[in-house]
């Protein structure tokens, strides 16, 4: 017997279970085996675009106990926007008019004009939709400030777009 609450809050239906209590109808089931889908963390999701590699470590997905299907906890668009906002403090600062812009360190604000890009690795810890401890690893061309030692990404369009494309490639795996 199903009882529908006359109030509008909350908007989901509740089914009264024999013996008392409620059972939530929003529980998701696997289409293959019928078991309940629960959150689980993947060790690594890896994507690459050219010389830029992006890894998501300890990334949460929703999956059944038999690992038949995996559902991401977030849409790709929101994920890319969220990680772009997280990466923003690690991008160099630009000063000056176009074609004569100087890149400055994101921490000490000193000039990076004579610093050469070299392959390096950055790692960030990110919180996403109630899940903490998701690590984002970036491997690719980066600048290391000679004054404060901060590793950062040159703020030019091709690097930022390559990070987004690498995230998209990681999402597809």
N, C-alpha and C. Protein backbone atom coordinates (compact mmCIF):
# COMPACT_ATOMS: atom_id res chain seq x y z
N UNK A 1 0.84 -1.17 0.00
CA UNK A 1 0.00 0.00 0.00
C UNK A 1 0.89 1.23 0.00
N UNK A 2 0.66 2.16 -0.91
CA UNK A 2 1.48 3.35 -1.04
C UNK A 2 0.73 4.55 -0.48
N UNK A 3 1.41 5.31 0.33
CA UNK A 3 0.85 6.52 0.91
C UNK A 3 1.59 7.71 0.34
N UNK A 4 0.90 8.66 -0.27
CA UNK A 4 1.52 9.86 -0.79
C UNK A 4 1.27 11.00 0.17
N UNK A 5 2.33 11.65 0.56
CA UNK A 5 2.25 12.75 1.51
C UNK A 5 1.52 13.94 0.87
N UNK A 6 0.56 14.58 1.56
CA UNK A 6 -0.15 15.72 0.99
C UNK A 6 0.70 16.98 0.94
N UNK A 7 1.80 17.03 1.67
CA UNK A 7 2.64 18.23 1.66
C UNK A 7 3.56 18.22 0.45
N UNK A 8 4.03 19.39 0.08
CA UNK A 8 4.93 19.48 -1.06
C UNK A 8 6.39 19.27 -0.68
N UNK A 9 6.74 19.36 0.59
CA UNK A 9 8.11 19.18 1.04
C UNK A 9 8.24 17.89 1.81
N UNK A 10 9.08 16.95 1.57
CA UNK A 10 9.91 16.82 0.38
C UNK A 10 9.09 16.33 -0.81
N UNK A 11 9.62 16.50 -2.01
CA UNK A 11 8.86 16.20 -3.21
C UNK A 11 8.93 14.73 -3.63
N UNK A 12 9.73 13.92 -2.99
CA UNK A 12 9.78 12.51 -3.39
C UNK A 12 8.70 11.72 -2.64
N UNK A 13 8.30 10.62 -3.23
CA UNK A 13 7.27 9.78 -2.63
C UNK A 13 7.88 8.84 -1.60
N UNK A 14 7.11 8.45 -0.64
CA UNK A 14 7.55 7.48 0.35
C UNK A 14 6.59 6.31 0.33
N UNK A 15 7.11 5.12 0.43
CA UNK A 15 6.28 3.93 0.47
C UNK A 15 6.35 3.35 1.87
N UNK A 16 5.20 3.12 2.46
CA UNK A 16 5.16 2.56 3.81
C UNK A 16 5.42 1.07 3.72
N UNK A 17 6.37 0.59 4.51
CA UNK A 17 6.76 -0.81 4.52
C UNK A 17 6.00 -1.52 5.63
N UNK A 18 5.60 -2.77 5.36
CA UNK A 18 4.93 -3.54 6.41
C UNK A 18 5.89 -3.69 7.59
N UNK A 19 5.44 -3.40 8.76
CA UNK A 19 6.29 -3.45 9.94
C UNK A 19 6.76 -2.07 10.36
N UNK A 20 6.36 -1.04 9.64
CA UNK A 20 6.71 0.33 10.03
C UNK A 20 7.89 0.87 9.26
N UNK A 21 8.02 2.17 9.22
CA UNK A 21 9.12 2.84 8.54
C UNK A 21 8.80 3.11 7.08
N UNK A 22 9.74 3.69 6.39
CA UNK A 22 9.57 4.00 4.98
C UNK A 22 10.72 3.42 4.17
N UNK A 23 10.46 3.14 2.94
CA UNK A 23 11.51 2.71 2.00
C UNK A 23 11.57 3.75 0.90
N UNK A 24 12.74 4.21 0.63
CA UNK A 24 12.90 5.26 -0.36
C UNK A 24 12.84 4.67 -1.77
N UNK A 25 12.01 5.23 -2.62
CA UNK A 25 11.90 4.75 -4.00
C UNK A 25 13.04 5.24 -4.87
N UNK A 26 13.86 6.15 -4.35
CA UNK A 26 14.94 6.73 -5.13
C UNK A 26 16.17 5.83 -5.17
N UNK A 27 16.15 4.65 -4.54
CA UNK A 27 17.28 3.74 -4.54
C UNK A 27 17.48 3.24 -5.97
N UNK A 28 18.71 3.37 -6.46
CA UNK A 28 19.01 2.97 -7.83
C UNK A 28 19.47 1.52 -7.86
N UNK A 29 19.04 0.81 -8.88
CA UNK A 29 19.39 -0.60 -9.05
C UNK A 29 20.16 -0.78 -10.36
N UNK A 30 21.05 -1.77 -10.39
CA UNK A 30 21.79 -2.12 -11.60
C UNK A 30 20.83 -2.80 -12.58
N UNK A 31 20.94 -2.45 -13.85
CA UNK A 31 20.06 -3.04 -14.86
C UNK A 31 20.45 -4.49 -15.16
N UNK A 32 21.72 -4.86 -14.95
CA UNK A 32 22.18 -6.21 -15.26
C UNK A 32 21.88 -7.22 -14.15
N UNK A 33 22.23 -6.87 -12.90
CA UNK A 33 22.08 -7.85 -11.82
C UNK A 33 21.02 -7.49 -10.80
N UNK A 34 20.53 -6.25 -10.82
CA UNK A 34 19.49 -5.83 -9.89
C UNK A 34 19.97 -5.44 -8.51
N UNK A 35 21.30 -5.45 -8.27
CA UNK A 35 21.81 -5.07 -6.95
C UNK A 35 21.83 -3.55 -6.81
N UNK A 36 21.93 -3.09 -5.59
CA UNK A 36 21.90 -1.66 -5.30
C UNK A 36 23.19 -0.99 -5.76
N UNK A 37 23.06 0.18 -6.36
CA UNK A 37 24.22 0.95 -6.80
C UNK A 37 24.68 1.81 -5.63
N UNK A 38 25.97 1.71 -5.31
CA UNK A 38 26.54 2.43 -4.17
C UNK A 38 27.80 3.17 -4.60
N UNK A 39 28.18 4.19 -3.83
CA UNK A 39 29.41 4.92 -4.18
C UNK A 39 30.65 4.08 -3.91
N UNK A 40 31.62 4.21 -4.80
CA UNK A 40 32.91 3.53 -4.68
C UNK A 40 33.97 4.43 -5.28
N UNK A 41 35.17 4.34 -4.83
CA UNK A 41 36.24 5.20 -5.36
C UNK A 41 37.11 4.42 -6.34
N UNK A 42 37.38 5.04 -7.49
CA UNK A 42 38.30 4.46 -8.46
C UNK A 42 39.71 4.92 -8.14
N UNK A 43 40.68 4.03 -8.32
CA UNK A 43 42.07 4.39 -8.02
C UNK A 43 42.56 5.52 -8.93
N UNK A 44 42.28 5.39 -10.23
CA UNK A 44 42.80 6.38 -11.16
C UNK A 44 41.94 6.45 -12.42
N UNK A 45 41.68 7.66 -12.86
CA UNK A 45 41.11 7.92 -14.18
C UNK A 45 42.12 8.82 -14.88
N UNK A 46 42.55 8.42 -16.08
CA UNK A 46 43.64 9.13 -16.76
C UNK A 46 43.18 9.62 -18.12
N UNK A 47 43.55 10.86 -18.44
CA UNK A 47 43.27 11.43 -19.75
C UNK A 47 44.48 12.18 -20.26
N UNK A 48 44.66 12.20 -21.58
CA UNK A 48 45.83 12.85 -22.15
C UNK A 48 45.42 13.66 -23.37
N UNK A 49 46.04 14.82 -23.52
CA UNK A 49 45.89 15.64 -24.72
C UNK A 49 47.25 16.20 -25.06
N UNK A 50 47.88 15.65 -26.09
CA UNK A 50 49.23 16.07 -26.46
C UNK A 50 50.21 15.72 -25.37
N UNK A 51 50.93 16.72 -24.88
CA UNK A 51 51.92 16.47 -23.83
C UNK A 51 51.37 16.72 -22.43
N UNK A 52 50.07 16.95 -22.31
CA UNK A 52 49.45 17.19 -21.00
C UNK A 52 48.68 15.94 -20.57
N UNK A 53 48.98 15.46 -19.36
CA UNK A 53 48.30 14.29 -18.79
C UNK A 53 47.58 14.75 -17.53
N UNK A 54 46.30 14.39 -17.42
CA UNK A 54 45.51 14.71 -16.24
C UNK A 54 45.05 13.40 -15.63
N UNK A 55 45.26 13.25 -14.32
CA UNK A 55 44.80 12.07 -13.60
C UNK A 55 43.86 12.50 -12.48
N UNK A 56 42.77 11.78 -12.34
CA UNK A 56 41.88 11.95 -11.19
C UNK A 56 42.09 10.73 -10.31
N UNK A 57 42.57 10.94 -9.10
CA UNK A 57 42.85 9.85 -8.17
C UNK A 57 41.80 9.83 -7.07
N UNK A 58 41.38 8.65 -6.66
CA UNK A 58 40.33 8.47 -5.64
C UNK A 58 39.03 9.13 -6.06
N UNK A 59 38.67 8.98 -7.34
CA UNK A 59 37.46 9.61 -7.88
C UNK A 59 36.24 8.75 -7.57
N UNK A 60 35.18 9.33 -6.99
CA UNK A 60 34.00 8.53 -6.64
C UNK A 60 33.07 8.31 -7.84
N UNK A 61 32.59 7.10 -7.97
CA UNK A 61 31.57 6.75 -8.97
C UNK A 61 30.49 5.94 -8.27
N UNK A 62 29.34 5.83 -8.92
CA UNK A 62 28.27 4.98 -8.41
C UNK A 62 28.31 3.69 -9.20
N UNK A 63 28.39 2.55 -8.52
CA UNK A 63 28.51 1.27 -9.21
C UNK A 63 27.86 0.16 -8.38
N UNK A 64 27.53 -0.95 -9.04
CA UNK A 64 26.97 -2.09 -8.32
C UNK A 64 28.11 -2.95 -7.77
N UNK A 65 27.79 -3.94 -6.97
CA UNK A 65 28.81 -4.78 -6.35
C UNK A 65 29.56 -5.64 -7.38
N UNK A 66 28.92 -5.94 -8.51
CA UNK A 66 29.54 -6.74 -9.56
C UNK A 66 30.28 -5.88 -10.59
N UNK A 67 30.25 -4.55 -10.42
CA UNK A 67 30.93 -3.59 -11.28
C UNK A 67 30.42 -3.62 -12.73
N UNK A 68 29.11 -3.85 -12.92
CA UNK A 68 28.52 -3.89 -14.26
C UNK A 68 28.47 -2.53 -14.92
N UNK A 69 28.06 -1.53 -14.19
CA UNK A 69 27.97 -0.20 -14.77
C UNK A 69 28.45 0.83 -13.76
N UNK A 70 29.02 1.90 -14.31
CA UNK A 70 29.50 2.98 -13.45
C UNK A 70 28.84 4.27 -13.88
N UNK A 71 28.40 5.02 -12.91
CA UNK A 71 27.79 6.33 -13.19
C UNK A 71 28.60 7.37 -12.45
N UNK A 72 28.92 8.44 -13.17
CA UNK A 72 29.67 9.52 -12.56
C UNK A 72 28.77 10.33 -11.63
N UNK A 73 29.36 10.87 -10.57
CA UNK A 73 28.57 11.63 -9.61
C UNK A 73 28.29 13.05 -10.10
N UNK A 74 28.95 13.46 -11.17
CA UNK A 74 28.81 14.82 -11.65
C UNK A 74 28.84 14.83 -13.17
N UNK A 75 28.19 15.81 -13.78
CA UNK A 75 28.23 15.92 -15.24
C UNK A 75 29.59 16.44 -15.68
N UNK A 76 29.96 16.13 -16.91
CA UNK A 76 31.26 16.54 -17.44
C UNK A 76 31.40 18.05 -17.47
N UNK A 77 30.34 18.76 -17.84
CA UNK A 77 30.38 20.21 -17.92
C UNK A 77 30.67 20.82 -16.56
N UNK A 78 29.95 20.36 -15.53
CA UNK A 78 30.16 20.89 -14.19
C UNK A 78 31.55 20.52 -13.67
N UNK A 79 32.00 19.31 -13.97
CA UNK A 79 33.32 18.86 -13.53
C UNK A 79 34.41 19.73 -14.14
N UNK A 80 34.32 20.01 -15.44
CA UNK A 80 35.32 20.84 -16.11
C UNK A 80 35.32 22.26 -15.55
N UNK A 81 34.14 22.83 -15.32
CA UNK A 81 34.07 24.17 -14.73
C UNK A 81 34.65 24.20 -13.33
N UNK A 82 34.33 23.17 -12.56
CA UNK A 82 34.81 23.10 -11.17
C UNK A 82 36.34 23.00 -11.13
N UNK A 83 36.92 22.11 -11.94
CA UNK A 83 38.36 21.96 -11.94
C UNK A 83 39.06 23.17 -12.56
N UNK A 84 38.41 23.84 -13.51
CA UNK A 84 38.99 25.07 -14.05
C UNK A 84 39.09 26.14 -12.97
N UNK A 85 38.08 26.21 -12.12
CA UNK A 85 38.10 27.17 -11.00
C UNK A 85 39.17 26.80 -9.99
N UNK A 86 39.40 25.49 -9.78
CA UNK A 86 40.41 25.04 -8.83
C UNK A 86 41.81 25.30 -9.37
N UNK A 87 42.01 25.13 -10.68
CA UNK A 87 43.32 25.32 -11.30
C UNK A 87 43.67 26.80 -11.43
N UNK A 88 42.68 27.67 -11.45
CA UNK A 88 42.89 29.10 -11.68
C UNK A 88 43.99 29.71 -10.82
N UNK A 89 44.08 29.42 -9.50
CA UNK A 89 45.17 30.01 -8.71
C UNK A 89 46.56 29.53 -9.11
N UNK A 90 46.65 28.43 -9.86
CA UNK A 90 47.96 27.92 -10.27
C UNK A 90 48.40 28.44 -11.63
N UNK A 91 47.57 29.27 -12.25
CA UNK A 91 47.93 29.86 -13.53
C UNK A 91 48.72 31.13 -13.31
N UNK A 92 49.66 31.39 -14.19
CA UNK A 92 50.44 32.62 -14.07
C UNK A 92 49.53 33.82 -14.29
N UNK A 93 49.94 34.96 -13.75
CA UNK A 93 49.20 36.20 -13.92
C UNK A 93 49.77 36.94 -15.12
N UNK A 94 48.90 37.53 -15.93
CA UNK A 94 49.35 38.29 -17.08
C UNK A 94 49.24 39.78 -16.77
N UNK A 95 50.26 40.54 -17.16
CA UNK A 95 50.23 41.98 -16.99
C UNK A 95 50.63 42.64 -18.31
N UNK A 96 50.00 43.73 -18.64
CA UNK A 96 50.38 44.50 -19.81
C UNK A 96 49.35 44.39 -20.92
N UNK A 97 49.65 45.06 -22.02
CA UNK A 97 48.74 45.06 -23.16
C UNK A 97 49.01 43.81 -24.00
N UNK A 98 48.03 43.37 -24.80
CA UNK A 98 48.25 42.18 -25.65
C UNK A 98 49.50 42.32 -26.51
N UNK A 99 50.15 41.23 -26.78
CA UNK A 99 51.40 41.08 -27.53
C UNK A 99 52.62 41.53 -26.73
N UNK A 100 52.43 42.25 -25.64
CA UNK A 100 53.54 42.67 -24.79
C UNK A 100 53.28 42.26 -23.34
N UNK A 101 52.53 41.19 -23.17
CA UNK A 101 52.17 40.77 -21.81
C UNK A 101 53.33 40.07 -21.14
N UNK A 102 53.44 40.30 -19.85
CA UNK A 102 54.44 39.62 -19.02
C UNK A 102 53.71 38.62 -18.14
N UNK A 103 54.31 37.46 -17.97
CA UNK A 103 53.75 36.46 -17.07
C UNK A 103 54.42 36.62 -15.71
N UNK A 104 53.58 36.67 -14.66
CA UNK A 104 54.06 36.85 -13.30
C UNK A 104 53.72 35.61 -12.47
N UNK A 105 54.53 35.35 -11.46
CA UNK A 105 54.30 34.22 -10.56
C UNK A 105 52.97 34.42 -9.84
N UNK A 106 52.23 33.32 -9.68
CA UNK A 106 50.92 33.40 -9.02
C UNK A 106 51.05 33.60 -7.51
N UNK A 107 52.24 33.38 -6.96
CA UNK A 107 52.42 33.53 -5.51
C UNK A 107 53.16 34.82 -5.14
N UNK A 108 54.34 35.02 -5.70
CA UNK A 108 55.15 36.18 -5.31
C UNK A 108 55.03 37.35 -6.28
N UNK A 109 54.38 37.16 -7.41
CA UNK A 109 54.12 38.20 -8.42
C UNK A 109 55.39 38.75 -9.07
N UNK A 110 56.45 37.96 -9.11
CA UNK A 110 57.66 38.38 -9.81
C UNK A 110 57.63 37.84 -11.23
N UNK A 111 58.43 38.42 -12.09
CA UNK A 111 58.43 38.10 -13.51
C UNK A 111 58.91 36.67 -13.78
N UNK A 112 58.22 36.01 -14.73
CA UNK A 112 58.60 34.67 -15.17
C UNK A 112 59.06 34.68 -16.63
N UNK A 113 59.42 35.84 -17.15
CA UNK A 113 59.75 35.97 -18.56
C UNK A 113 60.97 35.16 -18.98
N UNK A 114 61.94 35.01 -18.10
CA UNK A 114 63.16 34.28 -18.47
C UNK A 114 63.15 32.83 -18.01
N UNK A 115 62.04 32.37 -17.47
CA UNK A 115 61.93 30.99 -17.01
C UNK A 115 61.47 30.12 -18.17
N UNK A 116 62.10 28.97 -18.33
CA UNK A 116 61.77 28.07 -19.44
C UNK A 116 60.78 27.02 -18.95
N UNK A 117 59.78 26.73 -19.80
CA UNK A 117 58.82 25.67 -19.47
C UNK A 117 59.50 24.32 -19.51
N UNK A 118 59.25 23.52 -18.49
CA UNK A 118 59.79 22.17 -18.43
C UNK A 118 58.71 21.24 -17.94
N UNK A 119 58.78 19.95 -18.29
CA UNK A 119 57.79 19.01 -17.79
C UNK A 119 57.85 18.94 -16.26
N UNK A 120 56.71 19.03 -15.64
CA UNK A 120 56.63 19.00 -14.19
C UNK A 120 55.28 18.42 -13.78
N UNK A 121 55.09 18.22 -12.48
CA UNK A 121 53.85 17.63 -11.97
C UNK A 121 53.27 18.52 -10.88
N UNK A 122 51.96 18.74 -10.95
CA UNK A 122 51.21 19.47 -9.93
C UNK A 122 50.15 18.54 -9.38
N UNK A 123 49.87 18.64 -8.10
CA UNK A 123 48.78 17.84 -7.52
C UNK A 123 47.94 18.71 -6.61
N UNK A 124 46.62 18.62 -6.78
CA UNK A 124 45.67 19.38 -5.98
C UNK A 124 44.68 18.42 -5.33
N UNK A 125 44.19 18.78 -4.17
CA UNK A 125 43.11 18.03 -3.54
C UNK A 125 41.84 18.84 -3.67
N UNK A 126 40.77 18.17 -4.13
CA UNK A 126 39.54 18.85 -4.47
C UNK A 126 38.37 18.22 -3.73
N UNK A 127 37.40 19.03 -3.34
CA UNK A 127 36.13 18.55 -2.80
C UNK A 127 35.07 18.72 -3.88
N UNK A 128 34.27 17.69 -4.09
CA UNK A 128 33.26 17.73 -5.13
C UNK A 128 31.99 17.07 -4.64
N UNK A 129 30.94 17.84 -4.54
CA UNK A 129 29.61 17.36 -4.18
C UNK A 129 29.61 16.44 -2.96
N UNK A 130 30.23 16.91 -1.89
CA UNK A 130 30.22 16.15 -0.64
C UNK A 130 31.29 15.08 -0.54
N UNK A 131 32.04 14.85 -1.60
CA UNK A 131 33.13 13.88 -1.57
C UNK A 131 34.44 14.65 -1.44
N UNK A 132 35.21 14.36 -0.42
CA UNK A 132 36.48 15.06 -0.23
C UNK A 132 37.63 14.11 -0.56
N UNK A 133 38.79 14.69 -0.76
CA UNK A 133 39.98 13.88 -0.99
C UNK A 133 40.17 13.43 -2.43
N UNK A 134 39.46 14.03 -3.38
CA UNK A 134 39.70 13.72 -4.80
C UNK A 134 40.96 14.47 -5.19
N UNK A 135 41.92 13.76 -5.76
CA UNK A 135 43.17 14.40 -6.14
C UNK A 135 43.23 14.58 -7.65
N UNK A 136 43.62 15.75 -8.07
CA UNK A 136 43.81 16.08 -9.48
C UNK A 136 45.30 16.23 -9.70
N UNK A 137 45.84 15.41 -10.60
CA UNK A 137 47.26 15.46 -10.91
C UNK A 137 47.44 15.97 -12.33
N UNK A 138 48.31 16.95 -12.49
CA UNK A 138 48.63 17.53 -13.80
C UNK A 138 50.09 17.23 -14.10
N UNK A 139 50.34 16.66 -15.27
CA UNK A 139 51.70 16.46 -15.75
C UNK A 139 51.81 17.11 -17.10
N UNK A 140 52.77 18.01 -17.24
CA UNK A 140 52.93 18.68 -18.51
C UNK A 140 53.84 19.88 -18.36
N UNK A 141 53.87 20.72 -19.38
CA UNK A 141 54.74 21.89 -19.32
C UNK A 141 54.32 22.83 -18.19
N UNK A 142 55.29 23.21 -17.38
CA UNK A 142 55.01 24.09 -16.25
C UNK A 142 56.23 24.99 -16.01
N UNK A 143 56.01 26.02 -15.26
CA UNK A 143 57.06 26.96 -14.90
C UNK A 143 57.33 26.86 -13.41
N UNK A 144 58.59 26.90 -13.03
CA UNK A 144 58.94 26.93 -11.61
C UNK A 144 59.59 28.29 -11.35
N UNK A 145 58.97 29.04 -10.46
CA UNK A 145 59.46 30.38 -10.13
C UNK A 145 60.85 30.26 -9.51
N UNK A 146 61.78 31.06 -10.00
CA UNK A 146 63.15 30.98 -9.47
C UNK A 146 63.30 31.70 -8.13
N UNK A 147 62.29 32.49 -7.75
CA UNK A 147 62.35 33.22 -6.49
C UNK A 147 61.70 32.45 -5.33
N UNK A 148 60.48 31.92 -5.57
CA UNK A 148 59.77 31.24 -4.47
C UNK A 148 59.62 29.73 -4.68
N UNK A 149 59.94 29.22 -5.89
CA UNK A 149 59.90 27.79 -6.15
C UNK A 149 58.52 27.22 -6.47
N UNK A 150 57.52 28.08 -6.64
CA UNK A 150 56.16 27.62 -6.94
C UNK A 150 56.07 27.09 -8.36
N UNK A 151 55.48 25.90 -8.51
CA UNK A 151 55.25 25.33 -9.83
C UNK A 151 53.88 25.81 -10.30
N UNK A 152 53.81 26.30 -11.54
CA UNK A 152 52.57 26.85 -12.06
C UNK A 152 52.46 26.62 -13.55
N UNK A 153 51.26 26.80 -14.07
CA UNK A 153 50.98 26.58 -15.48
C UNK A 153 50.92 27.93 -16.17
N UNK A 154 51.56 28.04 -17.33
CA UNK A 154 51.51 29.30 -18.09
C UNK A 154 50.08 29.56 -18.54
N UNK A 155 49.59 30.73 -18.26
CA UNK A 155 48.19 31.08 -18.53
C UNK A 155 48.01 31.49 -19.99
N UNK A 156 48.01 30.49 -20.85
CA UNK A 156 47.71 30.73 -22.26
C UNK A 156 46.61 29.75 -22.66
N UNK A 157 45.84 30.15 -23.64
CA UNK A 157 44.65 29.39 -24.01
C UNK A 157 44.89 27.93 -24.33
N UNK A 158 46.00 27.62 -24.99
CA UNK A 158 46.20 26.22 -25.41
C UNK A 158 46.41 25.30 -24.21
N UNK A 159 47.06 25.77 -23.15
CA UNK A 159 47.24 24.94 -21.97
C UNK A 159 45.91 24.70 -21.25
N UNK A 160 45.14 25.75 -21.10
CA UNK A 160 43.86 25.63 -20.41
C UNK A 160 42.91 24.73 -21.19
N UNK A 161 42.87 24.87 -22.52
CA UNK A 161 42.01 24.01 -23.34
C UNK A 161 42.51 22.56 -23.35
N UNK A 162 43.82 22.36 -23.31
CA UNK A 162 44.35 21.00 -23.27
C UNK A 162 43.98 20.30 -21.96
N UNK A 163 43.95 21.05 -20.87
CA UNK A 163 43.52 20.47 -19.59
C UNK A 163 42.07 20.03 -19.68
N UNK A 164 41.22 20.89 -20.29
CA UNK A 164 39.80 20.54 -20.45
C UNK A 164 39.63 19.31 -21.35
N UNK A 165 40.41 19.24 -22.44
CA UNK A 165 40.31 18.08 -23.34
C UNK A 165 40.82 16.81 -22.66
N UNK A 166 41.86 16.93 -21.85
CA UNK A 166 42.37 15.76 -21.12
C UNK A 166 41.36 15.28 -20.10
N UNK A 167 40.65 16.21 -19.44
CA UNK A 167 39.57 15.82 -18.51
C UNK A 167 38.46 15.10 -19.26
N UNK A 168 38.14 15.59 -20.46
CA UNK A 168 37.10 14.93 -21.27
C UNK A 168 37.54 13.53 -21.66
N UNK A 169 38.82 13.36 -22.02
CA UNK A 169 39.33 12.02 -22.36
C UNK A 169 39.32 11.11 -21.14
N UNK A 170 39.63 11.65 -19.97
CA UNK A 170 39.59 10.85 -18.75
C UNK A 170 38.16 10.44 -18.42
N UNK A 171 37.22 11.30 -18.70
CA UNK A 171 35.81 11.02 -18.43
C UNK A 171 35.30 9.86 -19.26
N UNK A 172 35.80 9.74 -20.48
CA UNK A 172 35.33 8.69 -21.39
C UNK A 172 35.84 7.31 -21.05
N UNK A 173 36.85 7.20 -20.18
CA UNK A 173 37.40 5.87 -19.87
C UNK A 173 36.59 5.18 -18.80
